[in-house]
Amino acid sequence: MATALVTGATAGIGESFTRLLASEGFDLVLVARDKKRLQERANSLSKKYKIDVEVLQADLSLPVQLAKVMKRLSNPKKPIEVLINNAGFGIKDSFLSSNIADEILLMDVLAKAPMQLMHSVLPQMLNRDSGTIINVSSVASFIAGGTYSAAKSYLTVHTESLHTELSKTNIKISALCPGFTHTEFHQRGKMKMSGLPNFMWLEADDVVAKSWRAARNGKAICIPGWQYKTLSTIARFGPRPLVRKLGIKVRARQR
């Protein structure tokens, strides 16, 4: 039975991915910081779907703990068929007033960690000519909305580049670029989202289902929701001054 590894596996989009993959028959490796929640998720998934579930507690901002996950991904005796790079967080403060330590952590988790995890798993996937990688990016990667946008832009562009490099293989790689989704993300970042209209919110299970389908169909980018398809089209093809103003407005909503 094939195995999938999911980072940020205990809540939100990551948790939704664990249920979808379990329902597809994958054994799982769950990666997150909270050991108690990891074990609870593992027990629930194992019992419901009759699969094997490994727990790997790790803070991806810490090199020693990141190395544990890299080692698991590169283990040829227990190959990983699917990698979901989902772990992440946001900072509500402007770069002009934020803590630089927090900014460095954001770059470590959102950009550096996925890069290293992909670099660890791809040799095994290339040897088998088989595998799927989904990088959970954001529609924010198309706008100018602070360092979060910058980090997610790196992840989206890196995914697109690898998609081209892997086009003659059977390895699928895709960037999931959702908009505002009902998860713990904004609460953890202490972002005020009460002013956002209901129609702008997406549901995690729907986002994940569309992402998985897009990845399996060889799509480089998945943007769930008509509202975010429209927004991303404006951001990608509109005048850059307009895109910059859009980024400022989005940031302002989160404070």
C-alpha atoms as a PDB file:
ATOM      1  CA  MET A   1       0.000   0.000   0.000  1.00  0.00           C
ATOM      2  CA  ALA A   2       1.344   3.453  -0.936  1.00  0.00           C
ATOM      3  CA  THR A   3       2.146   6.054   1.719  1.00  0.00           C
ATOM      4  CA  ALA A   4       1.452   9.801   1.812  1.00  0.00           C
ATOM      5  CA  LEU A   5       3.162  12.353   4.053  1.00  0.00           C
ATOM      6  CA  VAL A   6       1.266  15.497   5.074  1.00  0.00           C
ATOM      7  CA  THR A   7       2.772  18.461   6.933  1.00  0.00           C
ATOM      8  CA  GLY A   8       0.498  20.600   9.071  1.00  0.00           C
ATOM      9  CA  ALA A   9      -1.683  17.519   9.294  1.00  0.00           C
ATOM     10  CA  THR A  10      -3.766  18.218  12.389  1.00  0.00           C
ATOM     11  CA  ALA A  11      -6.026  21.055  11.225  1.00  0.00           C
ATOM     12  CA  GLY A  12      -7.516  22.862   8.261  1.00  0.00           C
ATOM     13  CA  ILE A  13      -6.445  21.983   4.736  1.00  0.00           C
ATOM     14  CA  GLY A  14      -3.818  19.530   5.964  1.00  0.00           C
ATOM     15  CA  GLU A  15      -6.350  17.636   8.062  1.00  0.00           C
ATOM     16  CA  SER A  16      -8.727  17.521   5.087  1.00  0.00           C
ATOM     17  CA  PHE A  17      -5.950  16.057   2.948  1.00  0.00           C
ATOM     18  CA  THR A  18      -5.363  13.306   5.522  1.00  0.00           C
ATOM     19  CA  ARG A  19      -9.006  12.205   5.310  1.00  0.00           C
ATOM     20  CA  LEU A  20      -9.100  12.348   1.519  1.00  0.00           C
ATOM     21  CA  LEU A  21      -5.883  10.344   1.167  1.00  0.00           C
ATOM     22  CA  ALA A  22      -6.988   7.824   3.787  1.00  0.00           C
ATOM     23  CA  SER A  23     -10.269   7.338   1.904  1.00  0.00           C
ATOM     24  CA  GLU A  24      -8.192   6.640  -1.231  1.00  0.00           C
ATOM     25  CA  GLY A  25      -6.369   3.860   0.612  1.00  0.00           C
ATOM     26  CA  PHE A  26      -3.060   5.559   1.395  1.00  0.00           C
ATOM     27  CA  ASP A  27      -1.158   4.839   4.573  1.00  0.00           C
ATOM     28  CA  LEU A  28      -0.148   8.113   6.206  1.00  0.00           C
ATOM     29  CA  VAL A  29       2.730   9.927   7.857  1.00  0.00           C
ATOM     30  CA  LEU A  30       1.368  12.880   9.819  1.00  0.00           C
ATOM     31  CA  VAL A  31       3.711  15.797  10.552  1.00  0.00           C
ATOM     32  CA  ALA A  32       2.896  18.656  12.931  1.00  0.00           C
ATOM     33  CA  ARG A  33       4.134  20.308  16.133  1.00  0.00           C
ATOM     34  CA  ASP A  34       1.374  19.224  18.539  1.00  0.00           C
ATOM     35  CA  LYS A  35       2.039  15.620  19.582  1.00  0.00           C
ATOM     36  CA  LYS A  36      -1.306  15.192  21.357  1.00  0.00           C
ATOM     37  CA  ARG A  37      -3.329  16.307  18.341  1.00  0.00           C
ATOM     38  CA  LEU A  38      -1.138  14.212  16.052  1.00  0.00           C
ATOM     39  CA  GLN A  39      -1.883  11.094  18.054  1.00  0.00           C
ATOM     40  CA  GLU A  40      -5.589  11.871  18.180  1.00  0.00           C
ATOM     41  CA  ARG A  41      -5.687  12.280  14.388  1.00  0.00           C
ATOM     42  CA  ALA A  42      -3.648   9.120  13.885  1.00  0.00           C
ATOM     43  CA  ASN A  43      -5.940   7.059  16.096  1.00  0.00           C
ATOM     44  CA  SER A  44      -9.072   8.412  14.409  1.00  0.00           C
ATOM     45  CA  LEU A  45      -7.805   7.841  10.867  1.00  0.00           C
ATOM     46  CA  SER A  46      -6.428   4.400  11.594  1.00  0.00           C
ATOM     47  CA  LYS A  47      -9.668   3.262  13.194  1.00  0.00           C
ATOM     48  CA  LYS A  48     -12.005   4.704  10.552  1.00  0.00           C
ATOM     49  CA  TYR A  49     -10.073   3.842   7.380  1.00  0.00           C
ATOM     50  CA  LYS A  50      -8.155   0.725   8.516  1.00  0.00           C
ATOM     51  CA  ILE A  51      -4.794   2.152   7.431  1.00  0.00           C
ATOM     52  CA  ASP A  52      -1.340   2.424   9.002  1.00  0.00           C
ATOM     53  CA  VAL A  53      -0.578   5.887  10.357  1.00  0.00           C
ATOM     54  CA  GLU A  54       2.837   7.120  11.504  1.00  0.00           C
ATOM     55  CA  VAL A  55       3.236  10.193  13.695  1.00  0.00           C
ATOM     56  CA  LEU A  56       6.214  12.489  13.220  1.00  0.00           C
ATOM     57  CA  GLN A  57       6.309  15.449  15.591  1.00  0.00           C
ATOM     58  CA  ALA A  58       8.354  18.261  14.079  1.00  0.00           C
ATOM     59  CA  ASP A  59       8.626  22.035  13.973  1.00  0.00           C
ATOM     60  CA  LEU A  60       9.718  22.722  10.386  1.00  0.00           C
ATOM     61  CA  SER A  61      11.370  26.006  11.371  1.00  0.00           C
ATOM     62  CA  LEU A  62      13.989  24.067  13.369  1.00  0.00           C
ATOM     63  CA  PRO A  63      16.748  22.483  11.226  1.00  0.00           C
ATOM     64  CA  VAL A  64      17.176  19.409  13.439  1.00  0.00           C
ATOM     65  CA  GLN A  65      13.456  18.631  13.376  1.00  0.00           C
ATOM     66  CA  LEU A  66      13.134  19.404   9.679  1.00  0.00           C
ATOM     67  CA  ALA A  67      15.963  16.928   9.101  1.00  0.00           C
ATOM     68  CA  LYS A  68      13.831  14.174  10.695  1.00  0.00           C
ATOM     69  CA  VAL A  69      11.137  14.696   8.090  1.00  0.00           C
ATOM     70  CA  MET A  70      13.696  14.863   5.280  1.00  0.00           C
ATOM     71  CA  LYS A  71      15.168  11.553   6.446  1.00  0.00           C
ATOM     72  CA  ARG A  72      11.730   9.919   6.407  1.00  0.00           C
ATOM     73  CA  LEU A  73      11.053  11.214   2.891  1.00  0.00           C
ATOM     74  CA  SER A  74      14.333   9.849   1.544  1.00  0.00           C
ATOM     75  CA  ASN A  75      13.967   6.380   3.098  1.00  0.00           C
ATOM     76  CA  PRO A  76      13.928   3.904   0.155  1.00  0.00           C
ATOM     77  CA  LYS A  77      12.630   1.072   2.352  1.00  0.00           C
ATOM     78  CA  LYS A  78       9.459   3.019   3.175  1.00  0.00           C
ATOM     79  CA  PRO A  79       8.913   5.161   0.070  1.00  0.00           C
ATOM     80  CA  ILE A  80       6.606   8.155   0.083  1.00  0.00           C
ATOM     81  CA  GLU A  81       4.287   8.259  -2.933  1.00  0.00           C
ATOM     82  CA  VAL A  82       2.522  11.522  -2.061  1.00  0.00           C
ATOM     83  CA  LEU A  83       3.930  14.640  -0.364  1.00  0.00           C
ATOM     84  CA  ILE A  84       1.574  17.397   0.772  1.00  0.00           C
ATOM     85  CA  ASN A  85       3.511  20.523   1.797  1.00  0.00           C
ATOM     86  CA  ASN A  86       0.841  22.276   3.831  1.00  0.00           C
ATOM     87  CA  ALA A  87       2.403  23.576   7.079  1.00  0.00           C
ATOM     88  CA  GLY A  88       2.347  27.332   7.404  1.00  0.00           C
ATOM     89  CA  PHE A  89       1.235  30.440   9.254  1.00  0.00           C
ATOM     90  CA  GLY A  90       0.690  34.139   8.615  1.00  0.00           C
ATOM     91  CA  ILE A  91       1.755  37.437  10.198  1.00  0.00           C
ATOM     92  CA  LYS A  92      -0.837  40.182  10.453  1.00  0.00           C
ATOM     93  CA  ASP A  93       1.665  42.970  11.122  1.00  0.00           C
ATOM     94  CA  SER A  94       3.186  45.131   8.413  1.00  0.00           C
ATOM     95  CA  PHE A  95       6.864  44.480   7.698  1.00  0.00           C
ATOM     96  CA  LEU A  96       7.461  48.026   8.974  1.00  0.00           C
ATOM     97  CA  SER A  97       6.378  47.020  12.481  1.00  0.00           C
ATOM     98  CA  SER A  98       6.794  43.235  12.596  1.00  0.00           C
ATOM     99  CA  ASN A  99       9.321  41.187  14.557  1.00  0.00           C
ATOM    100  CA  ILE A 100      12.152  40.137  12.238  1.00  0.00           C
ATOM    101  CA  ALA A 101      12.434  36.781  14.019  1.00  0.00           C
ATOM    102  CA  ASP A 102       8.820  36.064  13.043  1.00  0.00           C
ATOM    103  CA  GLU A 103       9.528  37.074   9.452  1.00  0.00           C
ATOM    104  CA  ILE A 104      12.492  34.682   9.274  1.00  0.00           C
ATOM    105  CA  LEU A 105      10.358  31.863  10.704  1.00  0.00           C
ATOM    106  CA  LEU A 106       7.714  32.564   8.070  1.00  0.00           C
ATOM    107  CA  MET A 107      10.249  32.249   5.263  1.00  0.00           C
ATOM    108  CA  ASP A 108      11.698  29.098   6.829  1.00  0.00           C
ATOM    109  CA  VAL A 109       8.317  27.345   7.062  1.00  0.00           C
ATOM    110  CA  LEU A 110       6.596  28.636   3.906  1.00  0.00           C
ATOM    111  CA  ALA A 111       9.497  28.540   1.442  1.00  0.00           C
ATOM    112  CA  LYS A 112      12.645  26.885   2.770  1.00  0.00           C
ATOM    113  CA  ALA A 113      11.017  23.799   4.331  1.00  0.00           C
ATOM    114  CA  PRO A 114       8.931  22.804   1.264  1.00  0.00           C
ATOM    115  CA  MET A 115      12.010  23.247  -0.929  1.00  0.00           C
ATOM    116  CA  GLN A 116      14.072  20.927   1.268  1.00  0.00           C
ATOM    117  CA  LEU A 117      11.294  18.366   1.626  1.00  0.00           C
ATOM    118  CA  MET A 118      10.799  18.203  -2.134  1.00  0.00           C
ATOM    119  CA  HIS A 119      14.541  17.851  -2.641  1.00  0.00           C
ATOM    120  CA  SER A 120      14.493  14.897  -0.236  1.00  0.00           C
ATOM    121  CA  VAL A 121      11.601  13.003  -1.817  1.00  0.00           C
ATOM    122  CA  LEU A 122      12.173  13.621  -5.525  1.00  0.00           C
ATOM    123  CA  PRO A 123      15.155  11.246  -5.988  1.00  0.00           C
ATOM    124  CA  GLN A 124      13.006   8.304  -4.857  1.00  0.00           C
ATOM    125  CA  MET A 125      10.102   9.442  -7.023  1.00  0.00           C
ATOM    126  CA  LEU A 126      12.411   9.763 -10.032  1.00  0.00           C
ATOM    127  CA  ASN A 127      13.797   6.276  -9.440  1.00  0.00           C
ATOM    128  CA  ARG A 128      10.249   4.867  -9.490  1.00  0.00           C
ATOM    129  CA  ASP A 129       8.964   7.343 -12.087  1.00  0.00           C
ATOM    130  CA  SER A 130       5.968   7.772  -9.817  1.00  0.00           C
ATOM    131  CA  GLY A 131       4.691  10.228  -7.216  1.00  0.00           C
ATOM    132  CA  THR A 132       2.568  13.272  -6.470  1.00  0.00           C
ATOM    133  CA  ILE A 133       3.550  16.523  -4.741  1.00  0.00           C
ATOM    134  CA  ILE A 134       1.040  19.201  -3.796  1.00  0.00           C
ATOM    135  CA  ASN A 135       2.382  22.477  -2.449  1.00  0.00           C
ATOM    136  CA  VAL A 136      -0.271  24.418  -0.565  1.00  0.00           C
ATOM    137  CA  SER A 137       0.386  27.955  -1.722  1.00  0.00           C
ATOM    138  CA  SER A 138      -2.171  30.771  -1.865  1.00  0.00           C
ATOM    139  CA  VAL A 139      -3.970  33.126  -4.217  1.00  0.00           C
ATOM    140  CA  ALA A 140      -1.921  35.707  -2.302  1.00  0.00           C
ATOM    141  CA  SER A 141       1.067  34.499  -4.319  1.00  0.00           C
ATOM    142  CA  PHE A 142      -0.290  36.534  -7.264  1.00  0.00           C
ATOM    143  CA  ILE A 143      -0.604  39.849  -5.379  1.00  0.00           C
ATOM    144  CA  ALA A 144       1.773  42.127  -3.471  1.00  0.00           C
ATOM    145  CA  GLY A 145       0.600  41.496   0.074  1.00  0.00           C
ATOM    146  CA  GLY A 146       3.649  41.493   2.323  1.00  0.00           C
ATOM    147  CA  THR A 147       6.161  38.771   3.043  1.00  0.00           C
ATOM    148  CA  TYR A 148       3.439  36.102   3.156  1.00  0.00           C
ATOM    149  CA  SER A 149       2.654  36.852  -0.499  1.00  0.00           C
ATOM    150  CA  ALA A 150       6.358  36.877  -1.319  1.00  0.00           C
ATOM    151  CA  ALA A 151       6.938  33.484   0.300  1.00  0.00           C
ATOM    152  CA  LYS A 152       3.897  31.952  -1.368  1.00  0.00           C
ATOM    153  CA  SER A 153       4.967  33.432  -4.692  1.00  0.00           C
ATOM    154  CA  TYR A 154       8.258  31.581  -4.342  1.00  0.00           C
ATOM    155  CA  LEU A 155       6.374  28.348  -3.695  1.00  0.00           C
ATOM    156  CA  THR A 156       4.021  28.797  -6.653  1.00  0.00           C
ATOM    157  CA  VAL A 157       6.800  29.689  -9.094  1.00  0.00           C
ATOM    158  CA  HIS A 158       9.029  26.858  -7.841  1.00  0.00           C
ATOM    159  CA  THR A 159       6.153  24.439  -8.376  1.00  0.00           C
ATOM    160  CA  GLU A 160       5.575  25.721 -11.897  1.00  0.00           C
ATOM    161  CA  SER A 161       9.262  25.311 -12.686  1.00  0.00           C
ATOM    162  CA  LEU A 162       9.333  21.731 -11.406  1.00  0.00           C
ATOM    163  CA  HIS A 163       6.110  20.961 -13.261  1.00  0.00           C
ATOM    164  CA  THR A 164       7.908  21.813 -16.506  1.00  0.00           C
ATOM    165  CA  GLU A 165      11.036  19.841 -15.548  1.00  0.00           C
ATOM    166  CA  LEU A 166       8.941  16.791 -14.651  1.00  0.00           C
ATOM    167  CA  SER A 167       6.623  17.010 -17.659  1.00  0.00           C
ATOM    168  CA  LYS A 168       8.170  13.951 -19.339  1.00  0.00           C
ATOM    169  CA  THR A 169       7.874  11.812 -16.203  1.00  0.00           C
ATOM    170  CA  ASN A 170       4.917  10.253 -14.389  1.00  0.00           C
ATOM    171  CA  ILE A 171       5.492  12.511 -11.371  1.00  0.00           C
ATOM    172  CA  LYS A 172       2.707  15.030 -10.736  1.00  0.00           C
ATOM    173  CA  ILE A 173       3.365  18.351  -9.016  1.00  0.00           C
ATOM    174  CA  SER A 174       0.810  21.074  -8.406  1.00  0.00           C
ATOM    175  CA  ALA A 175       0.431  24.308  -6.439  1.00  0.00           C
ATOM    176  CA  LEU A 176      -2.858  24.718  -4.603  1.00  0.00           C
ATOM    177  CA  CYS A 177      -3.688  28.437  -4.473  1.00  0.00           C
ATOM    178  CA  PRO A 178      -6.845  28.913  -2.397  1.00  0.00           C
ATOM    179  CA  GLY A 179      -8.309  32.140  -1.115  1.00  0.00           C
ATOM    180  CA  PHE A 180      -9.835  32.628   2.323  1.00  0.00           C
ATOM    181  CA  THR A 181     -10.728  29.182   3.663  1.00  0.00           C
ATOM    182  CA  HIS A 182     -12.481  28.182   6.886  1.00  0.00           C
ATOM    183  CA  THR A 183      -9.557  26.843   8.970  1.00  0.00           C
ATOM    184  CA  GLU A 184      -7.650  27.831  12.124  1.00  0.00           C
ATOM    185  CA  PHE A 185      -5.186  29.866  10.040  1.00  0.00           C
ATOM    186  CA  HIS A 186      -6.587  33.354  10.613  1.00  0.00           C
ATOM    187  CA  GLN A 187      -7.434  32.715  14.266  1.00  0.00           C
ATOM    188  CA  ARG A 188      -3.877  31.573  14.972  1.00  0.00           C
ATOM    189  CA  GLY A 189      -2.513  34.648  13.235  1.00  0.00           C
ATOM    190  CA  LYS A 190      -4.893  36.871  15.267  1.00  0.00           C
ATOM    191  CA  MET A 191      -6.285  38.310  12.045  1.00  0.00           C
ATOM    192  CA  LYS A 192      -9.640  40.092  12.093  1.00  0.00           C
ATOM    193  CA  MET A 193     -11.714  38.625   9.276  1.00  0.00           C
ATOM    194  CA  SER A 194     -15.235  39.632  10.353  1.00  0.00           C
ATOM    195  CA  GLY A 195     -15.532  42.171   7.534  1.00  0.00           C
ATOM    196  CA  LEU A 196     -15.056  39.573   4.801  1.00  0.00           C
ATOM    197  CA  PRO A 197     -18.288  38.745   2.903  1.00  0.00           C
ATOM    198  CA  ASN A 198     -19.536  35.175   3.263  1.00  0.00           C
ATOM    199  CA  PHE A 199     -19.261  34.478  -0.469  1.00  0.00           C
ATOM    200  CA  MET A 200     -15.476  34.930  -0.252  1.00  0.00           C
ATOM    201  CA  TRP A 201     -15.051  31.980   2.126  1.00  0.00           C
ATOM    202  CA  LEU A 202     -14.173  28.500   0.864  1.00  0.00           C
ATOM    203  CA  GLU A 203     -14.583  25.138   2.615  1.00  0.00           C
ATOM    204  CA  ALA A 204     -11.439  23.081   3.220  1.00  0.00           C
ATOM    205  CA  ASP A 205     -12.854  19.736   2.043  1.00  0.00           C
ATOM    206  CA  ASP A 206     -14.004  21.240  -1.259  1.00  0.00           C
ATOM    207  CA  VAL A 207     -10.639  22.980  -1.761  1.00  0.00           C
ATOM    208  CA  VAL A 208      -8.755  19.743  -1.115  1.00  0.00           C
ATOM    209  CA  ALA A 209     -10.948  17.639  -3.409  1.00  0.00           C
ATOM    210  CA  LYS A 210     -10.408  20.080  -6.276  1.00  0.00           C
ATOM    211  CA  SER A 211      -6.665  20.221  -5.588  1.00  0.00           C
ATOM    212  CA  TRP A 212      -6.280  16.440  -5.628  1.00  0.00           C
ATOM    213  CA  ARG A 213      -8.238  16.141  -8.859  1.00  0.00           C
ATOM    214  CA  ALA A 214      -6.185  18.904 -10.496  1.00  0.00           C
ATOM    215  CA  ALA A 215      -2.886  17.341  -9.417  1.00  0.00           C
ATOM    216  CA  ARG A 216      -3.856  13.908 -10.695  1.00  0.00           C
ATOM    217  CA  ASN A 217      -4.877  15.498 -13.994  1.00  0.00           C
ATOM    218  CA  GLY A 218      -1.459  17.093 -14.382  1.00  0.00           C
ATOM    219  CA  LYS A 219      -2.425  20.699 -13.633  1.00  0.00           C
ATOM    220  CA  ALA A 220       0.418  22.950 -12.467  1.00  0.00           C
ATOM    221  CA  ILE A 221      -1.874  25.291 -10.514  1.00  0.00           C
ATOM    222  CA  CYS A 222      -5.261  24.843  -8.849  1.00  0.00           C
ATOM    223  CA  ILE A 223      -7.288  27.929  -7.902  1.00  0.00           C
ATOM    224  CA  PRO A 224     -10.567  26.804  -6.294  1.00  0.00           C
ATOM    225  CA  GLY A 225     -13.608  29.071  -6.428  1.00  0.00           C
ATOM    226  CA  TRP A 226     -14.907  31.374  -9.161  1.00  0.00           C
ATOM    227  CA  GLN A 227     -14.216  34.418  -6.986  1.00  0.00           C
ATOM    228  CA  TYR A 228     -10.528  33.581  -6.700  1.00  0.00           C
ATOM    229  CA  LYS A 229     -10.205  32.586 -10.335  1.00  0.00           C
ATOM    230  CA  THR A 230     -11.441  36.102 -11.117  1.00  0.00           C
ATOM    231  CA  LEU A 231      -9.158  37.742  -8.548  1.00  0.00           C
ATOM    232  CA  SER A 232      -6.106  35.809  -9.705  1.00  0.00           C
ATOM    233  CA  THR A 233      -6.790  36.684 -13.347  1.00  0.00           C
ATOM    234  CA  ILE A 234      -6.841  40.378 -12.442  1.00  0.00           C
ATOM    235  CA  ALA A 235      -3.694  39.961 -10.347  1.00  0.00           C
ATOM    236  CA  ARG A 236      -1.777  38.084 -13.047  1.00  0.00           C
ATOM    237  CA  PHE A 237      -2.804  40.124 -16.066  1.00  0.00           C
ATOM    238  CA  GLY A 238      -3.792  43.507 -14.648  1.00  0.00           C
ATOM    239  CA  PRO A 239      -1.579  46.606 -14.341  1.00  0.00           C
ATOM    240  CA  ARG A 240       0.961  46.202 -11.532  1.00  0.00           C
ATOM    241  CA  PRO A 241      -0.073  49.480  -9.784  1.00  0.00           C
ATOM    242  CA  LEU A 242      -3.586  48.022  -9.474  1.00  0.00           C
ATOM    243  CA  VAL A 243      -2.188  44.722  -8.178  1.00  0.00           C
ATOM    244  CA  ARG A 244      -0.149  46.563  -5.533  1.00  0.00           C
ATOM    245  CA  LYS A 245      -3.223  48.467  -4.347  1.00  0.00           C
ATOM    246  CA  LEU A 246      -5.153  45.199  -4.191  1.00  0.00           C
ATOM    247  CA  GLY A 247      -2.431  43.715  -1.990  1.00  0.00           C
ATOM    248  CA  ILE A 248      -2.590  46.650   0.405  1.00  0.00           C
ATOM    249  CA  LYS A 249      -6.382  46.304   0.726  1.00  0.00           C
ATOM    250  CA  VAL A 250      -6.136  42.601   1.477  1.00  0.00           C
ATOM    251  CA  ARG A 251      -3.501  43.247   4.158  1.00  0.00           C
ATOM    252  CA  ALA A 252      -5.641  45.981   5.706  1.00  0.00           C
ATOM    253  CA  ARG A 253      -8.556  43.551   6.148  1.00  0.00           C
ATOM    254  CA  GLN A 254      -6.433  41.286   8.328  1.00  0.00           C
ATOM    255  CA  ARG A 255      -5.457  43.843  10.987  1.00  0.00           C
END
